[in-house]
Every structure is written in C-alpha cells, then in structure tokens.
Amino acid sequence: MTLYDLAPRALEATLRDVVSPSFRIQQIEQWMHVRGVDSFDRMTNMPRDLRAQLGERFTLALPEVIERTEPAPDGSRSTRSSTSTRYRPSG
C-alpha cells in the first residue's frame, strides 16, 4: 500500500497502529507532503528500525503521469496519473 493514496485522517489511522510515539506520524506527514520523499530511508530524523518497519509494510510510490493534455486558453492543464493519489507534496 502506498501511503500517498491515503487522505490525512486515513494516513494517521493507518500509522497509529505502527508508529510510536505519536509525534512520529506528523514527522512522516511532513516528509511526505512538504519534502515529497519517495523512500523511508530519506527520513533521517526517524529511527532506522522504524524506517525499516515502515518499508516492510508500505511504499511511498508517487504517481506516474501517463497522460497530459494541451494547455487550455487560460493556461490550465489536465493530467491522468497511474494512481488515485489525491494528496501530493506541496513543493
């Protein structure tokens, strides 16, 4: 399961059973949605054993763009991706 497919509340609920102490959940969210990491190994402020445990259960696969439309007159553009990801890194 890729964590990027989960809405914020679902992500927290999923991680609550695996991650302790609970402040680590916010750290994971920051690594995902602010820094846009695609590997638990890059989460260097978290214990190595926790990163390994997360990597055994989940992935951080980002969606692959498989179709992009031509720009509309207002400059907007549509994309279709390989997953249903709704929440993407902000940077």
PDB file of N, CA and C in Angstrom:
ATOM      1  N   MET A   1       0.846  -1.167   0.000  1.00  0.00           N
ATOM      2  CA  MET A   1       0.000   0.000   0.000  1.00  0.00           C
ATOM      3  C   MET A   1       0.898   1.239   0.000  1.00  0.00           C
ATOM      4  N   THR A   2       0.631   2.172  -0.917  1.00  0.00           N
ATOM      5  CA  THR A   2       1.376   3.416  -0.915  1.00  0.00           C
ATOM      6  C   THR A   2       0.679   4.420  -0.003  1.00  0.00           C
ATOM      7  N   LEU A   3       1.444   5.019   0.865  1.00  0.00           N
ATOM      8  CA  LEU A   3       0.872   5.971   1.826  1.00  0.00           C
ATOM      9  C   LEU A   3       0.358   7.231   1.147  1.00  0.00           C
ATOM     10  N   TYR A   4       0.871   7.544  -0.047  1.00  0.00           N
ATOM     11  CA  TYR A   4       0.398   8.736  -0.753  1.00  0.00           C
ATOM     12  C   TYR A   4      -1.061   8.612  -1.200  1.00  0.00           C
ATOM     13  N   ASP A   5      -1.608   7.416  -1.220  1.00  0.00           N
ATOM     14  CA  ASP A   5      -3.009   7.237  -1.610  1.00  0.00           C
ATOM     15  C   ASP A   5      -3.989   7.521  -0.480  1.00  0.00           C
ATOM     16  N   LEU A   6      -3.476   7.729   0.729  1.00  0.00           N
ATOM     17  CA  LEU A   6      -4.351   7.910   1.886  1.00  0.00           C
ATOM     18  C   LEU A   6      -4.612   9.385   2.184  1.00  0.00           C
ATOM     19  N   ALA A   7      -5.871   9.699   2.464  1.00  0.00           N
ATOM     20  CA  ALA A   7      -6.236  11.035   2.929  1.00  0.00           C
ATOM     21  C   ALA A   7      -5.622  11.225   4.323  1.00  0.00           C
ATOM     22  N   PRO A   8      -5.461  12.471   4.783  1.00  0.00           N
ATOM     23  CA  PRO A   8      -4.792  12.713   6.070  1.00  0.00           C
ATOM     24  C   PRO A   8      -5.324  11.893   7.241  1.00  0.00           C
ATOM     25  N   ARG A   9      -6.621  11.823   7.421  1.00  0.00           N
ATOM     26  CA  ARG A   9      -7.161  11.050   8.558  1.00  0.00           C
ATOM     27  C   ARG A   9      -6.892   9.558   8.405  1.00  0.00           C
ATOM     28  N   ALA A  10      -7.008   9.049   7.193  1.00  0.00           N
ATOM     29  CA  ALA A  10      -6.735   7.631   6.950  1.00  0.00           C
ATOM     30  C   ALA A  10      -5.254   7.326   7.153  1.00  0.00           C
ATOM     31  N   LEU A  11      -4.391   8.255   6.760  1.00  0.00           N
ATOM     32  CA  LEU A  11      -2.957   8.085   6.972  1.00  0.00           C
ATOM     33  C   LEU A  11      -2.648   8.007   8.464  1.00  0.00           C
ATOM     34  N   GLU A  12      -3.205   8.915   9.233  1.00  0.00           N
ATOM     35  CA  GLU A  12      -2.990   8.907  10.679  1.00  0.00           C
ATOM     36  C   GLU A  12      -3.514   7.623  11.309  1.00  0.00           C
ATOM     37  N   ALA A  13      -4.694   7.184  10.908  1.00  0.00           N
ATOM     38  CA  ALA A  13      -5.265   5.958  11.467  1.00  0.00           C
ATOM     39  C   ALA A  13      -4.416   4.743  11.109  1.00  0.00           C
ATOM     40  N   THR A  14      -3.915   4.700   9.899  1.00  0.00           N
ATOM     41  CA  THR A  14      -3.078   3.584   9.455  1.00  0.00           C
ATOM     42  C   THR A  14      -1.771   3.542  10.219  1.00  0.00           C
ATOM     43  N   LEU A  15      -1.151   4.695  10.391  1.00  0.00           N
ATOM     44  CA  LEU A  15       0.149   4.748  11.050  1.00  0.00           C
ATOM     45  C   LEU A  15       0.056   4.599  12.564  1.00  0.00           C
ATOM     46  N   ARG A  16      -1.081   4.930  13.138  1.00  0.00           N
ATOM     47  CA  ARG A  16      -1.250   4.877  14.597  1.00  0.00           C
ATOM     48  C   ARG A  16      -0.945   3.485  15.161  1.00  0.00           C
ATOM     49  N   ASP A  17      -1.251   2.438  14.404  1.00  0.00           N
ATOM     50  CA  ASP A  17      -1.001   1.068  14.860  1.00  0.00           C
ATOM     51  C   ASP A  17       0.463   0.657  14.725  1.00  0.00           C
ATOM     52  N   VAL A  18       1.235   1.409  13.960  1.00  0.00           N
ATOM     53  CA  VAL A  18       2.604   1.020  13.641  1.00  0.00           C
ATOM     54  C   VAL A  18       3.643   1.934  14.287  1.00  0.00           C
ATOM     55  N   VAL A  19       3.305   3.214  14.409  1.00  0.00           N
ATOM     56  CA  VAL A  19       4.283   4.235  14.784  1.00  0.00           C
ATOM     57  C   VAL A  19       4.095   4.686  16.227  1.00  0.00           C
ATOM     58  N   SER A  20       5.200   4.746  16.949  1.00  0.00           N
ATOM     59  CA  SER A  20       5.195   5.232  18.322  1.00  0.00           C
ATOM     60  C   SER A  20       6.543   5.876  18.592  1.00  0.00           C
ATOM     61  N   PRO A  21       6.576   6.990  19.271  1.00  0.00           N
ATOM     62  CA  PRO A  21       5.483   7.803  19.807  1.00  0.00           C
ATOM     63  C   PRO A  21       4.701   8.502  18.692  1.00  0.00           C
ATOM     64  N   SER A  22       3.551   9.006  19.035  1.00  0.00           N
ATOM     65  CA  SER A  22       2.616   9.539  18.040  1.00  0.00           C
ATOM     66  C   SER A  22       3.139  10.753  17.276  1.00  0.00           C
ATOM     67  N   PHE A  23       4.090  11.503  17.831  1.00  0.00           N
ATOM     68  CA  PHE A  23       4.605  12.667  17.100  1.00  0.00           C
ATOM     69  C   PHE A  23       5.318  12.246  15.824  1.00  0.00           C
ATOM     70  N   ARG A  24       5.711  10.976  15.735  1.00  0.00           N
ATOM     71  CA  ARG A  24       6.364  10.478  14.521  1.00  0.00           C
ATOM     72  C   ARG A  24       5.425  10.527  13.319  1.00  0.00           C
ATOM     73  N   ILE A  25       4.119  10.411  13.564  1.00  0.00           N
ATOM     74  CA  ILE A  25       3.153  10.486  12.463  1.00  0.00           C
ATOM     75  C   ILE A  25       3.247  11.849  11.781  1.00  0.00           C
ATOM     76  N   GLN A  26       3.333  12.915  12.573  1.00  0.00           N
ATOM     77  CA  GLN A  26       3.463  14.246  11.990  1.00  0.00           C
ATOM     78  C   GLN A  26       4.787  14.384  11.235  1.00  0.00           C
ATOM     79  N   GLN A  27       5.827  13.758  11.731  1.00  0.00           N
ATOM     80  CA  GLN A  27       7.109  13.792  11.021  1.00  0.00           C
ATOM     81  C   GLN A  27       6.984  13.105   9.664  1.00  0.00           C
ATOM     82  N   ILE A  28       6.314  11.959   9.642  1.00  0.00           N
ATOM     83  CA  ILE A  28       6.129  11.246   8.383  1.00  0.00           C
ATOM     84  C   ILE A  28       5.318  12.090   7.409  1.00  0.00           C
ATOM     85  N   GLU A  29       4.244  12.704   7.899  1.00  0.00           N
ATOM     86  CA  GLU A  29       3.423  13.564   7.040  1.00  0.00           C
ATOM     87  C   GLU A  29       4.243  14.707   6.467  1.00  0.00           C
ATOM     88  N   GLN A  30       5.114  15.292   7.276  1.00  0.00           N
ATOM     89  CA  GLN A  30       5.951  16.389   6.782  1.00  0.00           C
ATOM     90  C   GLN A  30       6.924  15.889   5.712  1.00  0.00           C
ATOM     91  N   TRP A  31       7.538  14.749   5.949  1.00  0.00           N
ATOM     92  CA  TRP A  31       8.441  14.187   4.944  1.00  0.00           C
ATOM     93  C   TRP A  31       7.710  13.927   3.632  1.00  0.00           C
ATOM     94  N   MET A  32       6.466  13.466   3.724  1.00  0.00           N
ATOM     95  CA  MET A  32       5.707  13.155   2.519  1.00  0.00           C
ATOM     96  C   MET A  32       5.198  14.406   1.812  1.00  0.00           C
ATOM     97  N   HIS A  33       4.484  15.244   2.544  1.00  0.00           N
ATOM     98  CA  HIS A  33       3.733  16.320   1.899  1.00  0.00           C
ATOM     99  C   HIS A  33       4.470  17.646   1.807  1.00  0.00           C
ATOM    100  N   VAL A  34       5.564  17.799   2.522  1.00  0.00           N
ATOM    101  CA  VAL A  34       6.360  19.025   2.401  1.00  0.00           C
ATOM    102  C   VAL A  34       7.624  18.748   1.594  1.00  0.00           C
ATOM    103  N   ARG A  35       8.278  17.641   1.921  1.00  0.00           N
ATOM    104  CA  ARG A  35       9.550  17.321   1.253  1.00  0.00           C
ATOM    105  C   ARG A  35       9.390  16.381   0.067  1.00  0.00           C
ATOM    106  N   GLY A  36       8.275  15.676  -0.020  1.00  0.00           N
ATOM    107  CA  GLY A  36       7.992  14.833  -1.175  1.00  0.00           C
ATOM    108  C   GLY A  36       8.902  13.622  -1.327  1.00  0.00           C
ATOM    109  N   VAL A  37       9.291  13.002  -0.216  1.00  0.00           N
ATOM    110  CA  VAL A  37      10.198  11.854  -0.304  1.00  0.00           C
ATOM    111  C   VAL A  37       9.516  10.649  -0.927  1.00  0.00           C
ATOM    112  N   ASP A  38      10.317   9.792  -1.553  1.00  0.00           N
ATOM    113  CA  ASP A  38       9.805   8.561  -2.140  1.00  0.00           C
ATOM    114  C   ASP A  38      10.453   7.331  -1.508  1.00  0.00           C
ATOM    115  N   SER A  39      11.100   7.536  -0.358  1.00  0.00           N
ATOM    116  CA  SER A  39      11.775   6.444   0.340  1.00  0.00           C
ATOM    117  C   SER A  39      11.788   6.722   1.842  1.00  0.00           C
ATOM    118  N   PHE A  40      11.517   5.702   2.629  1.00  0.00           N
ATOM    119  CA  PHE A  40      11.578   5.861   4.082  1.00  0.00           C
ATOM    120  C   PHE A  40      13.015   6.105   4.536  1.00  0.00           C
ATOM    121  N   ASP A  41      13.985   5.615   3.784  1.00  0.00           N
ATOM    122  CA  ASP A  41      15.394   5.815   4.144  1.00  0.00           C
ATOM    123  C   ASP A  41      15.783   7.292   4.184  1.00  0.00           C
ATOM    124  N   ARG A  42      15.079   8.127   3.467  1.00  0.00           N
ATOM    125  CA  ARG A  42      15.390   9.559   3.443  1.00  0.00           C
ATOM    126  C   ARG A  42      14.863  10.293   4.674  1.00  0.00           C
ATOM    127  N   MET A  43      14.059   9.638   5.483  1.00  0.00           N
ATOM    128  CA  MET A  43      13.500  10.241   6.700  1.00  0.00           C
ATOM    129  C   MET A  43      14.529  10.126   7.817  1.00  0.00           C
ATOM    130  N   THR A  44      15.559  10.936   7.719  1.00  0.00           N
ATOM    131  CA  THR A  44      16.745  10.779   8.566  1.00  0.00           C
ATOM    132  C   THR A  44      16.544  11.158  10.027  1.00  0.00           C
ATOM    133  N   ASN A  45      15.446  11.815  10.368  1.00  0.00           N
ATOM    134  CA  ASN A  45      15.207  12.156  11.775  1.00  0.00           C
ATOM    135  C   ASN A  45      14.365  11.094  12.483  1.00  0.00           C
ATOM    136  N   MET A  46      14.214   9.938  11.849  1.00  0.00           N
ATOM    137  CA  MET A  46      13.460   8.839  12.445  1.00  0.00           C
ATOM    138  C   MET A  46      14.388   7.649  12.656  1.00  0.00           C
ATOM    139  N   PRO A  47      14.125   6.840  13.691  1.00  0.00           N
ATOM    140  CA  PRO A  47      14.977   5.690  13.961  1.00  0.00           C
ATOM    141  C   PRO A  47      15.051   4.730  12.766  1.00  0.00           C
ATOM    142  N   ARG A  48      16.219   4.194  12.542  1.00  0.00           N
ATOM    143  CA  ARG A  48      16.455   3.294  11.419  1.00  0.00           C
ATOM    144  C   ARG A  48      15.520   2.079  11.461  1.00  0.00           C
ATOM    145  N   ASP A  49      15.290   1.517  12.656  1.00  0.00           N
ATOM    146  CA  ASP A  49      14.417   0.345  12.746  1.00  0.00           C
ATOM    147  C   ASP A  49      12.968   0.682  12.390  1.00  0.00           C
ATOM    148  N   LEU A  50      12.508   1.884  12.729  1.00  0.00           N
ATOM    149  CA  LEU A  50      11.162   2.307  12.350  1.00  0.00           C
ATOM    150  C   LEU A  50      11.066   2.476  10.836  1.00  0.00           C
ATOM    151  N   ARG A  51      12.095   3.072  10.225  1.00  0.00           N
ATOM    152  CA  ARG A  51      12.103   3.226   8.768  1.00  0.00           C
ATOM    153  C   ARG A  51      12.044   1.868   8.079  1.00  0.00           C
ATOM    154  N   ALA A  52      12.772   0.898   8.617  1.00  0.00           N
ATOM    155  CA  ALA A  52      12.765  -0.450   8.042  1.00  0.00           C
ATOM    156  C   ALA A  52      11.389  -1.093   8.193  1.00  0.00           C
ATOM    157  N   GLN A  53      10.790  -0.925   9.354  1.00  0.00           N
ATOM    158  CA  GLN A  53       9.464  -1.487   9.607  1.00  0.00           C
ATOM    159  C   GLN A  53       8.427  -0.875   8.659  1.00  0.00           C
ATOM    160  N   LEU A  54       8.484   0.427   8.461  1.00  0.00           N
ATOM    161  CA  LEU A  54       7.562   1.089   7.539  1.00  0.00           C
ATOM    162  C   LEU A  54       7.767   0.577   6.117  1.00  0.00           C
ATOM    163  N   GLY A  55       9.038   0.415   5.726  1.00  0.00           N
ATOM    164  CA  GLY A  55       9.353  -0.059   4.386  1.00  0.00           C
ATOM    165  C   GLY A  55       8.880  -1.476   4.116  1.00  0.00           C
ATOM    166  N   GLU A  56       8.765  -2.289   5.158  1.00  0.00           N
ATOM    167  CA  GLU A  56       8.257  -3.653   5.003  1.00  0.00           C
ATOM    168  C   GLU A  56       6.750  -3.680   4.791  1.00  0.00           C
ATOM    169  N   ARG A  57       6.061  -2.686   5.322  1.00  0.00           N
ATOM    170  CA  ARG A  57       4.588  -2.683   5.272  1.00  0.00           C
ATOM    171  C   ARG A  57       3.990  -1.769   4.210  1.00  0.00           C
ATOM    172  N   PHE A  58       4.711  -0.682   3.868  1.00  0.00           N
ATOM    173  CA  PHE A  58       4.151   0.344   2.991  1.00  0.00           C
ATOM    174  C   PHE A  58       5.170   0.756   1.932  1.00  0.00           C
ATOM    175  N   THR A  59       4.683   1.532   0.959  1.00  0.00           N
ATOM    176  CA  THR A  59       5.575   2.175  -0.006  1.00  0.00           C
ATOM    177  C   THR A  59       5.266   3.666  -0.030  1.00  0.00           C
ATOM    178  N   LEU A  60       6.143   4.402  -0.660  1.00  0.00           N
ATOM    179  CA  LEU A  60       5.948   5.836  -0.872  1.00  0.00           C
ATOM    180  C   LEU A  60       6.004   6.127  -2.374  1.00  0.00           C
ATOM    181  N   ALA A  61       5.370   5.273  -3.137  1.00  0.00           N
ATOM    182  CA  ALA A  61       5.375   5.425  -4.588  1.00  0.00           C
ATOM    183  C   ALA A  61       4.548   6.647  -4.986  1.00  0.00           C
ATOM    184  N   LEU A  62       5.177   7.532  -5.725  1.00  0.00           N
ATOM    185  CA  LEU A  62       4.476   8.694  -6.259  1.00  0.00           C
ATOM    186  C   LEU A  62       3.807   8.303  -7.570  1.00  0.00           C
ATOM    187  N   PRO A  63       2.708   8.936  -7.917  1.00  0.00           N
ATOM    188  CA  PRO A  63       2.026   8.575  -9.166  1.00  0.00           C
ATOM    189  C   PRO A  63       2.873   8.947 -10.379  1.00  0.00           C
ATOM    190  N   GLU A  64       2.749   8.152 -11.406  1.00  0.00           N
ATOM    191  CA  GLU A  64       3.425   8.419 -12.667  1.00  0.00           C
ATOM    192  C   GLU A  64       2.422   9.081 -13.600  1.00  0.00           C
ATOM    193  N   VAL A  65       2.778  10.211 -14.196  1.00  0.00           N
ATOM    194  CA  VAL A  65       1.892  10.884 -15.144  1.00  0.00           C
ATOM    195  C   VAL A  65       1.882  10.063 -16.423  1.00  0.00           C
ATOM    196  N   ILE A  66       0.679   9.634 -16.847  1.00  0.00           N
ATOM    197  CA  ILE A  66       0.586   8.825 -18.053  1.00  0.00           C
ATOM    198  C   ILE A  66      -0.106   9.557 -19.202  1.00  0.00           C
ATOM    199  N   GLU A  67      -0.704  10.691 -18.903  1.00  0.00           N
ATOM    200  CA  GLU A  67      -1.317  11.493 -19.957  1.00  0.00           C
ATOM    201  C   GLU A  67      -1.393  12.939 -19.506  1.00  0.00           C
ATOM    202  N   ARG A  68      -1.044  13.866 -20.401  1.00  0.00           N
ATOM    203  CA  ARG A  68      -1.094  15.291 -20.096  1.00  0.00           C
ATOM    204  C   ARG A  68      -1.744  15.988 -21.292  1.00  0.00           C
ATOM    205  N   THR A  69      -2.747  16.810 -21.034  1.00  0.00           N
ATOM    206  CA  THR A  69      -3.445  17.497 -22.119  1.00  0.00           C
ATOM    207  C   THR A  69      -2.685  18.742 -22.552  1.00  0.00           C
ATOM    208  N   GLU A  70      -3.054  19.240 -23.713  1.00  0.00           N
ATOM    209  CA  GLU A  70      -2.515  20.510 -24.183  1.00  0.00           C
ATOM    210  C   GLU A  70      -3.061  21.623 -23.283  1.00  0.00           C
ATOM    211  N   PRO A  71      -2.305  22.692 -23.077  1.00  0.00           N
ATOM    212  CA  PRO A  71      -2.803  23.789 -22.237  1.00  0.00           C
ATOM    213  C   PRO A  71      -4.076  24.411 -22.803  1.00  0.00           C
ATOM    214  N   ALA A  72      -5.013  24.706 -21.914  1.00  0.00           N
ATOM    215  CA  ALA A  72      -6.243  25.401 -22.286  1.00  0.00           C
ATOM    216  C   ALA A  72      -5.921  26.886 -22.478  1.00  0.00           C
ATOM    217  N   PRO A  73      -6.847  27.658 -23.038  1.00  0.00           N
ATOM    218  CA  PRO A  73      -6.594  29.091 -23.235  1.00  0.00           C
ATOM    219  C   PRO A  73      -6.197  29.825 -21.950  1.00  0.00           C
ATOM    220  N   ASP A  74      -6.699  29.351 -20.801  1.00  0.00           N
ATOM    221  CA  ASP A  74      -6.338  30.017 -19.548  1.00  0.00           C
ATOM    222  C   ASP A  74      -5.028  29.492 -18.959  1.00  0.00           C
ATOM    223  N   GLY A  75      -4.382  28.549 -19.674  1.00  0.00           N
ATOM    224  CA  GLY A  75      -3.102  28.021 -19.220  1.00  0.00           C
ATOM    225  C   GLY A  75      -3.206  26.770 -18.372  1.00  0.00           C
ATOM    226  N   SER A  76      -4.427  26.383 -17.987  1.00  0.00           N
ATOM    227  CA  SER A  76      -4.580  25.179 -17.162  1.00  0.00           C
ATOM    228  C   SER A  76      -4.316  23.938 -17.999  1.00  0.00           C
ATOM    229  N   ARG A  77      -4.000  22.867 -17.322  1.00  0.00           N
ATOM    230  CA  ARG A  77      -3.668  21.616 -17.991  1.00  0.00           C
ATOM    231  C   ARG A  77      -4.151  20.457 -17.137  1.00  0.00           C
ATOM    232  N   SER A  78      -4.649  19.409 -17.758  1.00  0.00           N
ATOM    233  CA  SER A  78      -5.104  18.217 -17.044  1.00  0.00           C
ATOM    234  C   SER A  78      -4.066  17.113 -17.177  1.00  0.00           C
ATOM    235  N   THR A  79      -3.992  16.279 -16.139  1.00  0.00           N
ATOM    236  CA  THR A  79      -3.128  15.109 -16.195  1.00  0.00           C
ATOM    237  C   THR A  79      -3.901  13.903 -15.704  1.00  0.00           C
ATOM    238  N   ARG A  80      -3.498  12.738 -16.165  1.00  0.00           N
ATOM    239  CA  ARG A  80      -4.026  11.481 -15.664  1.00  0.00           C
ATOM    240  C   ARG A  80      -2.827  10.704 -15.159  1.00  0.00           C
ATOM    241  N   SER A  81      -2.938  10.181 -13.937  1.00  0.00           N
ATOM    242  CA  SER A  81      -1.793   9.502 -13.337  1.00  0.00           C
ATOM    243  C   SER A  81      -2.085   8.024 -13.117  1.00  0.00           C
ATOM    244  N   SER A  82      -1.035   7.304 -12.738  1.00  0.00           N
ATOM    245  CA  SER A  82      -1.123   5.860 -12.573  1.00  0.00           C
ATOM    246  C   SER A  82      -1.795   5.433 -11.280  1.00  0.00           C
ATOM    247  N   THR A  83      -2.024   6.359 -10.346  1.00  0.00           N
ATOM    248  CA  THR A  83      -2.717   6.023  -9.098  1.00  0.00           C
ATOM    249  C   THR A  83      -3.810   7.037  -8.861  1.00  0.00           C
ATOM    250  N   SER A  84      -4.564   6.800  -7.823  1.00  0.00           N
ATOM    251  CA  SER A  84      -5.655   7.716  -7.473  1.00  0.00           C
ATOM    252  C   SER A  84      -5.211   8.751  -6.454  1.00  0.00           C
ATOM    253  N   THR A  85      -3.938   9.036  -6.400  1.00  0.00           N
ATOM    254  CA  THR A  85      -3.402   9.929  -5.386  1.00  0.00           C
ATOM    255  C   THR A  85      -4.116  11.278  -5.384  1.00  0.00           C
ATOM    256  N   ARG A  86      -4.588  11.669  -4.212  1.00  0.00           N
ATOM    257  CA  ARG A  86      -5.266  12.950  -4.061  1.00  0.00           C
ATOM    258  C   ARG A  86      -4.385  13.973  -3.378  1.00  0.00           C
ATOM    259  N   TYR A  87      -3.448  13.523  -2.552  1.00  0.00           N
ATOM    260  CA  TYR A  87      -2.623  14.422  -1.778  1.00  0.00           C
ATOM    261  C   TYR A  87      -1.190  14.307  -2.260  1.00  0.00           C
ATOM    262  N   ARG A  88      -0.645  15.416  -2.703  1.00  0.00           N
ATOM    263  CA  ARG A  88       0.695  15.423  -3.263  1.00  0.00           C
ATOM    264  C   ARG A  88       1.556  16.409  -2.482  1.00  0.00           C
ATOM    265  N   PRO A  89       2.873  16.260  -2.592  1.00  0.00           N
ATOM    266  CA  PRO A  89       3.756  17.203  -1.922  1.00  0.00           C
ATOM    267  C   PRO A  89       3.468  18.630  -2.361  1.00  0.00           C
ATOM    268  N   SER A  90       3.615  19.564  -1.463  1.00  0.00           N
ATOM    269  CA  SER A  90       3.305  20.955  -1.788  1.00  0.00           C
ATOM    270  C   SER A  90       4.488  21.674  -2.423  1.00  0.00           C
ATOM    271  N   GLY A  91       5.647  21.071  -2.459  1.00  0.00           N
ATOM    272  CA  GLY A  91       6.824  21.734  -3.011  1.00  0.00           C
ATOM    273  C   GLY A  91       7.191  21.188  -4.270  1.00  0.00           C
TER     274      GLY A  91
END
